[in-house]
Amino acid sequence: MPLPEHDQWAVFPMDEDEPSVVMTNMALAEEAPHGDLPVAVCLRVPFQDLGEFGIGSDDEYEAICAEEDAASERIRAELGGVCAGRVRIEGHLDVWFYVPDGVAQAAAEIIGESMGKREHEVGAGEDPDWTVFQETLLPDSAQMQWMLDQQLVSAFEDMGDDLSVERPVRFFSTFGDQASADAFADDARGAGFETEPGVVEDEDGEEVDRIGVLATLTTAIDFDSVHAVTMAVLQLAERHGGEFDGWEAEPASAMGP
């Protein structure tokens, strides 16, 4: 199976409560696991300058990434492997590659040449199911929502919106049966939301066999404010067996005096 021609990077926190950054090559997600690349290779680089948050100074991180990028290009061109992602956490950076059978040592040598005198370790192991990619690098629903909220808030910022202005924000969730949808709506109203039924459509605008619930709350849409509400709704929907499907709001300029 050929690798995607272009990488597609997603960046999100491993844990919102602790300094951490995961950078994942999402171009690999749709076809994972890639059967031709059953071996996981991990480069671990300890930070010499822990920086303000313990996850390395930005200058050191960027220098390491430049060296790792050079290794990634060679691993792809010479060995047919791919960089799957990075995990930047307290004390060190882990970079994960997937390579074909029989070339892990060659990958380690390429990495060593790129890292030069920088302290590092390289390990490798069989991972035909891409367990590291699936369980460590791929974002879960909460991490995915973190990214989506960042993107949507940034879109409002780009329009010059005053994010501090409170406005009705509509949060949409879907369920497989009416009982689950009703239980979610009851709990949402108990938490201060107004609720109403919502129509669920596919990408072509056709209605699908899911029960939609629209929960509305008046709030500001700066990231911290709206993300806190989003996560509360997402967790409530999942508790009732449903799926959170995003939020929408009007720009402050459309709110009137």
C-alpha atoms as a PDB file:
ATOM      1  CA  MET A   1       0.000   0.000   0.000  1.00  0.00           C
ATOM      2  CA  PRO A   2       1.604   3.313  -1.053  1.00  0.00           C
ATOM      3  CA  LEU A   3       2.148   5.960   1.585  1.00  0.00           C
ATOM      4  CA  PRO A   4       0.244   9.249   1.316  1.00  0.00           C
ATOM      5  CA  GLU A   5       2.129  11.663  -0.887  1.00  0.00           C
ATOM      6  CA  HIS A   6       1.850  14.516   1.608  1.00  0.00           C
ATOM      7  CA  ASP A   7       1.951  14.616   5.394  1.00  0.00           C
ATOM      8  CA  GLN A   8      -0.955  16.163   7.301  1.00  0.00           C
ATOM      9  CA  TRP A   9      -0.014  17.227  10.816  1.00  0.00           C
ATOM     10  CA  ALA A  10      -2.373  17.677  13.745  1.00  0.00           C
ATOM     11  CA  VAL A  11      -1.195  19.266  17.009  1.00  0.00           C
ATOM     12  CA  PHE A  12      -2.972  18.820  20.334  1.00  0.00           C
ATOM     13  CA  PRO A  13      -2.218  18.354  24.052  1.00  0.00           C
ATOM     14  CA  MET A  14      -1.754  14.839  25.387  1.00  0.00           C
ATOM     15  CA  ASP A  15      -3.276  16.019  28.664  1.00  0.00           C
ATOM     16  CA  GLU A  16      -4.981  19.406  29.018  1.00  0.00           C
ATOM     17  CA  ASP A  17      -3.998  19.501  32.688  1.00  0.00           C
ATOM     18  CA  GLU A  18      -0.272  18.935  32.110  1.00  0.00           C
ATOM     19  CA  PRO A  19       2.187  20.598  29.699  1.00  0.00           C
ATOM     20  CA  SER A  20       2.399  18.253  26.727  1.00  0.00           C
ATOM     21  CA  VAL A  21       2.142  18.379  22.952  1.00  0.00           C
ATOM     22  CA  VAL A  22       1.382  15.594  20.477  1.00  0.00           C
ATOM     23  CA  MET A  23       2.027  16.099  16.766  1.00  0.00           C
ATOM     24  CA  THR A  24       0.479  13.359  14.619  1.00  0.00           C
ATOM     25  CA  ASN A  25       0.702  12.630  10.916  1.00  0.00           C
ATOM     26  CA  MET A  26      -3.033  12.291  10.256  1.00  0.00           C
ATOM     27  CA  ALA A  27      -2.426  11.428   6.603  1.00  0.00           C
ATOM     28  CA  LEU A  28      -1.594   7.925   7.855  1.00  0.00           C
ATOM     29  CA  ALA A  29      -4.797   7.478   9.853  1.00  0.00           C
ATOM     30  CA  GLU A  30      -7.294   6.397   7.208  1.00  0.00           C
ATOM     31  CA  GLU A  31      -5.317   3.358   6.030  1.00  0.00           C
ATOM     32  CA  ALA A  32      -3.619   2.431   9.334  1.00  0.00           C
ATOM     33  CA  PRO A  33      -2.197  -0.074  10.003  1.00  0.00           C
ATOM     34  CA  HIS A  34       0.063  -0.033   6.944  1.00  0.00           C
ATOM     35  CA  GLY A  35       1.001  -3.669   6.480  1.00  0.00           C
ATOM     36  CA  ASP A  36       4.256  -2.909   4.679  1.00  0.00           C
ATOM     37  CA  LEU A  37       5.526  -1.014   7.749  1.00  0.00           C
ATOM     38  CA  PRO A  38       5.223  -3.401  10.720  1.00  0.00           C
ATOM     39  CA  VAL A  39       8.152  -2.113  12.782  1.00  0.00           C
ATOM     40  CA  ALA A  40       7.941   0.903  15.110  1.00  0.00           C
ATOM     41  CA  VAL A  41      11.132   2.862  15.713  1.00  0.00           C
ATOM     42  CA  CYS A  42      11.272   5.391  18.549  1.00  0.00           C
ATOM     43  CA  LEU A  43      13.777   8.213  18.858  1.00  0.00           C
ATOM     44  CA  ARG A  44      13.949   9.657  22.379  1.00  0.00           C
ATOM     45  CA  VAL A  45      15.819  12.915  22.969  1.00  0.00           C
ATOM     46  CA  PRO A  46      16.156  14.254  26.540  1.00  0.00           C
ATOM     47  CA  PHE A  47      15.884  18.028  26.808  1.00  0.00           C
ATOM     48  CA  GLN A  48      18.967  19.816  28.082  1.00  0.00           C
ATOM     49  CA  ASP A  49      16.990  23.020  28.658  1.00  0.00           C
ATOM     50  CA  LEU A  50      13.620  22.084  30.183  1.00  0.00           C
ATOM     51  CA  GLY A  51      12.211  25.554  29.544  1.00  0.00           C
ATOM     52  CA  GLU A  52       9.397  27.236  31.436  1.00  0.00           C
ATOM     53  CA  PHE A  53       7.028  24.250  31.408  1.00  0.00           C
ATOM     54  CA  GLY A  54       9.437  21.331  31.597  1.00  0.00           C
ATOM     55  CA  ILE A  55       8.863  20.222  27.993  1.00  0.00           C
ATOM     56  CA  GLY A  56      11.953  21.800  26.496  1.00  0.00           C
ATOM     57  CA  SER A  57      12.641  25.334  25.392  1.00  0.00           C
ATOM     58  CA  ASP A  58      11.242  26.278  21.999  1.00  0.00           C
ATOM     59  CA  ASP A  59      14.729  26.902  20.634  1.00  0.00           C
ATOM     60  CA  GLU A  60      15.953  23.444  21.621  1.00  0.00           C
ATOM     61  CA  TYR A  61      12.763  21.793  20.382  1.00  0.00           C
ATOM     62  CA  GLU A  62      13.048  23.470  16.985  1.00  0.00           C
ATOM     63  CA  ALA A  63      16.701  22.455  16.693  1.00  0.00           C
ATOM     64  CA  ILE A  64      15.863  18.825  17.478  1.00  0.00           C
ATOM     65  CA  CYS A  65      12.990  18.860  14.990  1.00  0.00           C
ATOM     66  CA  ALA A  66      15.250  20.181  12.240  1.00  0.00           C
ATOM     67  CA  GLU A  67      17.613  17.243  12.809  1.00  0.00           C
ATOM     68  CA  GLU A  68      14.711  14.797  13.012  1.00  0.00           C
ATOM     69  CA  ASP A  69      13.205  16.200   9.783  1.00  0.00           C
ATOM     70  CA  ALA A  70      16.450  15.428   7.993  1.00  0.00           C
ATOM     71  CA  ALA A  71      16.331  11.869   9.329  1.00  0.00           C
ATOM     72  CA  SER A  72      12.666  11.505   8.344  1.00  0.00           C
ATOM     73  CA  GLU A  73      13.373  12.521   4.772  1.00  0.00           C
ATOM     74  CA  ARG A  74      16.146   9.964   4.476  1.00  0.00           C
ATOM     75  CA  ILE A  75      14.128   7.190   6.151  1.00  0.00           C
ATOM     76  CA  ARG A  76      11.327   7.777   3.676  1.00  0.00           C
ATOM     77  CA  ALA A  77      13.549   8.099   0.592  1.00  0.00           C
ATOM     78  CA  GLU A  78      16.050   5.338   1.392  1.00  0.00           C
ATOM     79  CA  LEU A  79      14.039   2.847   3.465  1.00  0.00           C
ATOM     80  CA  GLY A  80      10.403   3.444   2.533  1.00  0.00           C
ATOM     81  CA  GLY A  81       9.496   4.343   6.120  1.00  0.00           C
ATOM     82  CA  VAL A  82       7.537   7.254   7.521  1.00  0.00           C
ATOM     83  CA  CYS A  83       7.450   9.561  10.535  1.00  0.00           C
ATOM     84  CA  ALA A  84       4.156   8.955  12.350  1.00  0.00           C
ATOM     85  CA  GLY A  85       4.343  11.581  15.066  1.00  0.00           C
ATOM     86  CA  ARG A  86       6.040  13.304  17.978  1.00  0.00           C
ATOM     87  CA  VAL A  87       5.228  13.406  21.674  1.00  0.00           C
ATOM     88  CA  ARG A  88       6.704  16.338  23.620  1.00  0.00           C
ATOM     89  CA  ILE A  89       6.288  15.753  27.324  1.00  0.00           C
ATOM     90  CA  GLU A  90       8.112  16.503  30.543  1.00  0.00           C
ATOM     91  CA  GLY A  91      11.819  15.908  30.150  1.00  0.00           C
ATOM     92  CA  HIS A  92      12.045  14.518  26.627  1.00  0.00           C
ATOM     93  CA  LEU A  93      10.786  14.305  23.054  1.00  0.00           C
ATOM     94  CA  ASP A  94       9.729  10.990  21.491  1.00  0.00           C
ATOM     95  CA  VAL A  95       9.554  10.675  17.698  1.00  0.00           C
ATOM     96  CA  TRP A  96       7.892   7.590  16.212  1.00  0.00           C
ATOM     97  CA  PHE A  97       8.618   6.091  12.801  1.00  0.00           C
ATOM     98  CA  TYR A  98       7.241   3.027  11.040  1.00  0.00           C
ATOM     99  CA  VAL A  99       9.564   1.092   8.738  1.00  0.00           C
ATOM    100  CA  PRO A 100       9.612  -2.181   6.780  1.00  0.00           C
ATOM    101  CA  ASP A 101      10.958  -5.414   8.253  1.00  0.00           C
ATOM    102  CA  GLY A 102      14.721  -5.693   8.326  1.00  0.00           C
ATOM    103  CA  VAL A 103      15.649  -2.004   8.218  1.00  0.00           C
ATOM    104  CA  ALA A 104      15.317  -0.886  11.848  1.00  0.00           C
ATOM    105  CA  GLN A 105      19.104  -0.839  12.290  1.00  0.00           C
ATOM    106  CA  ALA A 106      19.518   1.213   9.129  1.00  0.00           C
ATOM    107  CA  ALA A 107      16.897   3.636  10.425  1.00  0.00           C
ATOM    108  CA  ALA A 108      18.760   3.938  13.731  1.00  0.00           C
ATOM    109  CA  GLU A 109      21.992   4.692  11.853  1.00  0.00           C
ATOM    110  CA  ILE A 110      20.291   7.408   9.798  1.00  0.00           C
ATOM    111  CA  ILE A 111      18.858   8.925  12.963  1.00  0.00           C
ATOM    112  CA  GLY A 112      22.264   8.817  14.644  1.00  0.00           C
ATOM    113  CA  GLU A 113      23.887  10.604  11.723  1.00  0.00           C
ATOM    114  CA  SER A 114      21.213  13.333  11.815  1.00  0.00           C
ATOM    115  CA  MET A 115      21.381  13.775  15.589  1.00  0.00           C
ATOM    116  CA  GLY A 116      25.171  14.072  15.541  1.00  0.00           C
ATOM    117  CA  LYS A 117      26.523  14.617  19.044  1.00  0.00           C
ATOM    118  CA  ARG A 118      23.103  15.298  20.565  1.00  0.00           C
ATOM    119  CA  GLU A 119      22.213  12.825  23.331  1.00  0.00           C
ATOM    120  CA  HIS A 120      19.525  10.395  22.160  1.00  0.00           C
ATOM    121  CA  GLU A 121      18.294   6.815  22.295  1.00  0.00           C
ATOM    122  CA  VAL A 122      16.713   4.702  19.553  1.00  0.00           C
ATOM    123  CA  GLY A 123      14.566   1.631  20.137  1.00  0.00           C
ATOM    124  CA  ALA A 124      12.563  -0.572  17.787  1.00  0.00           C
ATOM    125  CA  GLY A 125       9.956  -3.302  18.041  1.00  0.00           C
ATOM    126  CA  GLU A 126       7.357  -5.181  16.048  1.00  0.00           C
ATOM    127  CA  ASP A 127       4.042  -3.288  15.896  1.00  0.00           C
ATOM    128  CA  PRO A 128       2.098  -4.713  12.930  1.00  0.00           C
ATOM    129  CA  ASP A 129      -1.213  -3.410  14.299  1.00  0.00           C
ATOM    130  CA  TRP A 130       0.235   0.093  14.723  1.00  0.00           C
ATOM    131  CA  THR A 131      -0.756   0.059  18.374  1.00  0.00           C
ATOM    132  CA  VAL A 132       1.473   3.014  19.253  1.00  0.00           C
ATOM    133  CA  PHE A 133      -0.080   5.053  16.477  1.00  0.00           C
ATOM    134  CA  GLN A 134      -3.627   4.076  17.403  1.00  0.00           C
ATOM    135  CA  GLU A 135      -3.312   4.446  21.176  1.00  0.00           C
ATOM    136  CA  THR A 136      -0.686   7.157  21.667  1.00  0.00           C
ATOM    137  CA  LEU A 137      -0.575   9.334  18.569  1.00  0.00           C
ATOM    138  CA  LEU A 138      -4.141   9.418  17.269  1.00  0.00           C
ATOM    139  CA  PRO A 139      -6.345  12.002  19.008  1.00  0.00           C
ATOM    140  CA  ASP A 140      -9.311  10.732  21.007  1.00  0.00           C
ATOM    141  CA  SER A 141     -12.681  12.499  20.902  1.00  0.00           C
ATOM    142  CA  ALA A 142     -11.655  15.055  23.543  1.00  0.00           C
ATOM    143  CA  GLN A 143      -8.357  15.861  21.829  1.00  0.00           C
ATOM    144  CA  MET A 144     -10.088  16.101  18.465  1.00  0.00           C
ATOM    145  CA  GLN A 145     -12.607  18.508  19.940  1.00  0.00           C
ATOM    146  CA  TRP A 146      -9.783  20.614  21.381  1.00  0.00           C
ATOM    147  CA  MET A 147      -8.429  21.062  17.856  1.00  0.00           C
ATOM    148  CA  LEU A 148     -11.852  21.794  16.358  1.00  0.00           C
ATOM    149  CA  ASP A 149     -12.606  24.384  19.038  1.00  0.00           C
ATOM    150  CA  GLN A 150      -9.264  26.053  18.394  1.00  0.00           C
ATOM    151  CA  GLN A 151     -10.027  26.229  14.678  1.00  0.00           C
ATOM    152  CA  LEU A 152     -13.518  27.610  15.139  1.00  0.00           C
ATOM    153  CA  VAL A 153     -12.480  30.225  17.693  1.00  0.00           C
ATOM    154  CA  SER A 154      -9.629  31.259  15.365  1.00  0.00           C
ATOM    155  CA  ALA A 155     -12.144  31.697  12.545  1.00  0.00           C
ATOM    156  CA  PHE A 156     -14.152  34.105  14.704  1.00  0.00           C
ATOM    157  CA  GLU A 157     -10.941  35.954  15.628  1.00  0.00           C
ATOM    158  CA  ASP A 158     -10.037  36.282  11.952  1.00  0.00           C
ATOM    159  CA  MET A 159     -13.413  37.990  11.392  1.00  0.00           C
ATOM    160  CA  GLY A 160     -12.533  40.524  14.084  1.00  0.00           C
ATOM    161  CA  ASP A 161     -15.157  39.154  16.445  1.00  0.00           C
ATOM    162  CA  ASP A 162     -15.247  40.267  20.087  1.00  0.00           C
ATOM    163  CA  LEU A 163     -15.028  36.833  21.684  1.00  0.00           C
ATOM    164  CA  SER A 164     -15.923  38.183  25.120  1.00  0.00           C
ATOM    165  CA  VAL A 165     -19.468  39.050  24.038  1.00  0.00           C
ATOM    166  CA  GLU A 166     -21.878  36.465  25.394  1.00  0.00           C
ATOM    167  CA  ARG A 167     -24.295  35.032  22.857  1.00  0.00           C
ATOM    168  CA  PRO A 168     -26.468  31.937  22.370  1.00  0.00           C
ATOM    169  CA  VAL A 169     -24.214  29.054  21.350  1.00  0.00           C
ATOM    170  CA  ARG A 170     -25.838  25.957  19.871  1.00  0.00           C
ATOM    171  CA  PHE A 171     -24.283  22.574  20.639  1.00  0.00           C
ATOM    172  CA  PHE A 172     -25.413  19.651  18.490  1.00  0.00           C
ATOM    173  CA  SER A 173     -25.410  15.972  19.529  1.00  0.00           C
ATOM    174  CA  THR A 174     -26.845  12.843  17.944  1.00  0.00           C
ATOM    175  CA  PHE A 175     -28.162   9.569  19.381  1.00  0.00           C
ATOM    176  CA  GLY A 176     -29.161   6.147  18.142  1.00  0.00           C
ATOM    177  CA  ASP A 177     -32.526   6.045  19.906  1.00  0.00           C
ATOM    178  CA  GLN A 178     -35.124   8.401  21.334  1.00  0.00           C
ATOM    179  CA  ALA A 179     -34.699   7.264  24.931  1.00  0.00           C
ATOM    180  CA  SER A 180     -31.011   8.199  24.940  1.00  0.00           C
ATOM    181  CA  ALA A 181     -31.737  11.532  23.292  1.00  0.00           C
ATOM    182  CA  ASP A 182     -34.454  12.299  25.850  1.00  0.00           C
ATOM    183  CA  ALA A 183     -32.187  11.389  28.783  1.00  0.00           C
ATOM    184  CA  PHE A 184     -29.457  13.654  27.413  1.00  0.00           C
ATOM    185  CA  ALA A 185     -31.918  16.514  26.922  1.00  0.00           C
ATOM    186  CA  ASP A 186     -33.221  16.142  30.485  1.00  0.00           C
ATOM    187  CA  ASP A 187     -29.709  16.338  31.922  1.00  0.00           C
ATOM    188  CA  ALA A 188     -28.772  19.246  29.647  1.00  0.00           C
ATOM    189  CA  ARG A 189     -31.795  21.249  30.785  1.00  0.00           C
ATOM    190  CA  GLY A 190     -30.853  20.473  34.373  1.00  0.00           C
ATOM    191  CA  ALA A 191     -27.438  22.022  33.647  1.00  0.00           C
ATOM    192  CA  GLY A 192     -28.988  25.233  32.321  1.00  0.00           C
ATOM    193  CA  PHE A 193     -29.266  24.541  28.591  1.00  0.00           C
ATOM    194  CA  GLU A 194     -32.344  25.034  26.454  1.00  0.00           C
ATOM    195  CA  THR A 195     -32.938  22.011  24.227  1.00  0.00           C
ATOM    196  CA  GLU A 196     -34.872  21.218  21.068  1.00  0.00           C
ATOM    197  CA  PRO A 197     -34.917  18.413  18.506  1.00  0.00           C
ATOM    198  CA  GLY A 198     -32.435  18.675  15.653  1.00  0.00           C
ATOM    199  CA  VAL A 199     -32.396  17.212  12.153  1.00  0.00           C
ATOM    200  CA  VAL A 200     -29.444  14.938  11.378  1.00  0.00           C
ATOM    201  CA  GLU A 201     -28.191  15.009   7.791  1.00  0.00           C
ATOM    202  CA  ASP A 202     -25.327  13.379   5.919  1.00  0.00           C
ATOM    203  CA  GLU A 203     -22.780  15.235   3.785  1.00  0.00           C
ATOM    204  CA  ASP A 204     -25.246  15.289   0.885  1.00  0.00           C
ATOM    205  CA  GLY A 205     -27.996  16.902   2.943  1.00  0.00           C
ATOM    206  CA  GLU A 206     -30.012  13.703   3.254  1.00  0.00           C
ATOM    207  CA  GLU A 207     -31.624  12.918   6.611  1.00  0.00           C
ATOM    208  CA  VAL A 208     -30.125   9.921   8.423  1.00  0.00           C
ATOM    209  CA  ASP A 209     -31.485   7.562  11.038  1.00  0.00           C
ATOM    210  CA  ARG A 210     -30.141   9.375  14.104  1.00  0.00           C
ATOM    211  CA  ILE A 211     -31.900  11.457  16.750  1.00  0.00           C
ATOM    212  CA  GLY A 212     -30.536  14.993  17.016  1.00  0.00           C
ATOM    213  CA  VAL A 213     -30.652  17.283  20.060  1.00  0.00           C
ATOM    214  CA  LEU A 214     -29.721  20.961  19.950  1.00  0.00           C
ATOM    215  CA  ALA A 215     -28.617  22.329  23.340  1.00  0.00           C
ATOM    216  CA  THR A 216     -28.264  26.109  23.599  1.00  0.00           C
ATOM    217  CA  LEU A 217     -26.424  28.107  26.247  1.00  0.00           C
ATOM    218  CA  THR A 218     -25.520  31.796  26.377  1.00  0.00           C
ATOM    219  CA  THR A 219     -21.758  32.141  26.792  1.00  0.00           C
ATOM    220  CA  ALA A 220     -18.691  33.971  25.536  1.00  0.00           C
ATOM    221  CA  ILE A 221     -16.738  32.190  22.809  1.00  0.00           C
ATOM    222  CA  ASP A 222     -13.167  32.833  23.855  1.00  0.00           C
ATOM    223  CA  PHE A 223     -11.427  29.466  23.782  1.00  0.00           C
ATOM    224  CA  ASP A 224     -11.420  28.785  27.513  1.00  0.00           C
ATOM    225  CA  SER A 225     -15.105  29.642  27.897  1.00  0.00           C
ATOM    226  CA  VAL A 226     -16.533  27.797  24.920  1.00  0.00           C
ATOM    227  CA  HIS A 227     -14.195  24.799  25.199  1.00  0.00           C
ATOM    228  CA  ALA A 228     -15.269  24.201  28.789  1.00  0.00           C
ATOM    229  CA  VAL A 229     -18.902  24.100  27.683  1.00  0.00           C
ATOM    230  CA  THR A 230     -18.103  21.978  24.650  1.00  0.00           C
ATOM    231  CA  MET A 231     -16.372  19.351  26.768  1.00  0.00           C
ATOM    232  CA  ALA A 232     -19.272  19.275  29.222  1.00  0.00           C
ATOM    233  CA  VAL A 233     -21.714  18.634  26.366  1.00  0.00           C
ATOM    234  CA  LEU A 234     -19.414  16.081  24.698  1.00  0.00           C
ATOM    235  CA  GLN A 235     -19.034  14.128  27.935  1.00  0.00           C
ATOM    236  CA  LEU A 236     -22.768  14.269  28.614  1.00  0.00           C
ATOM    237  CA  ALA A 237     -23.565  13.040  25.104  1.00  0.00           C
ATOM    238  CA  GLU A 238     -21.083  10.168  25.390  1.00  0.00           C
ATOM    239  CA  ARG A 239     -22.476   9.256  28.820  1.00  0.00           C
ATOM    240  CA  HIS A 240     -25.836   8.694  27.117  1.00  0.00           C
ATOM    241  CA  GLY A 241     -24.359   6.734  24.216  1.00  0.00           C
ATOM    242  CA  GLY A 242     -24.421   9.643  21.788  1.00  0.00           C
ATOM    243  CA  GLU A 243     -21.940  11.631  19.739  1.00  0.00           C
ATOM    244  CA  PHE A 244     -21.161  15.332  19.941  1.00  0.00           C
ATOM    245  CA  ASP A 245     -21.339  16.956  16.504  1.00  0.00           C
ATOM    246  CA  GLY A 246     -20.064  20.504  16.959  1.00  0.00           C
ATOM    247  CA  TRP A 247     -21.258  23.983  17.848  1.00  0.00           C
ATOM    248  CA  GLU A 248     -22.208  27.203  16.117  1.00  0.00           C
ATOM    249  CA  ALA A 249     -22.859  30.827  17.051  1.00  0.00           C
ATOM    250  CA  GLU A 250     -23.545  34.183  15.430  1.00  0.00           C
ATOM    251  CA  PRO A 251     -20.791  36.797  15.214  1.00  0.00           C
ATOM    252  CA  ALA A 252     -21.056  39.520  17.872  1.00  0.00           C
ATOM    253  CA  SER A 253     -21.671  42.071  15.117  1.00  0.00           C
ATOM    254  CA  ALA A 254     -24.920  40.252  14.251  1.00  0.00           C
ATOM    255  CA  MET A 255     -26.219  40.415  17.800  1.00  0.00           C
ATOM    256  CA  GLY A 256     -27.576  43.961  17.584  1.00  0.00           C
ATOM    257  CA  PRO A 257     -27.415  46.584  20.347  1.00  0.00           C
END
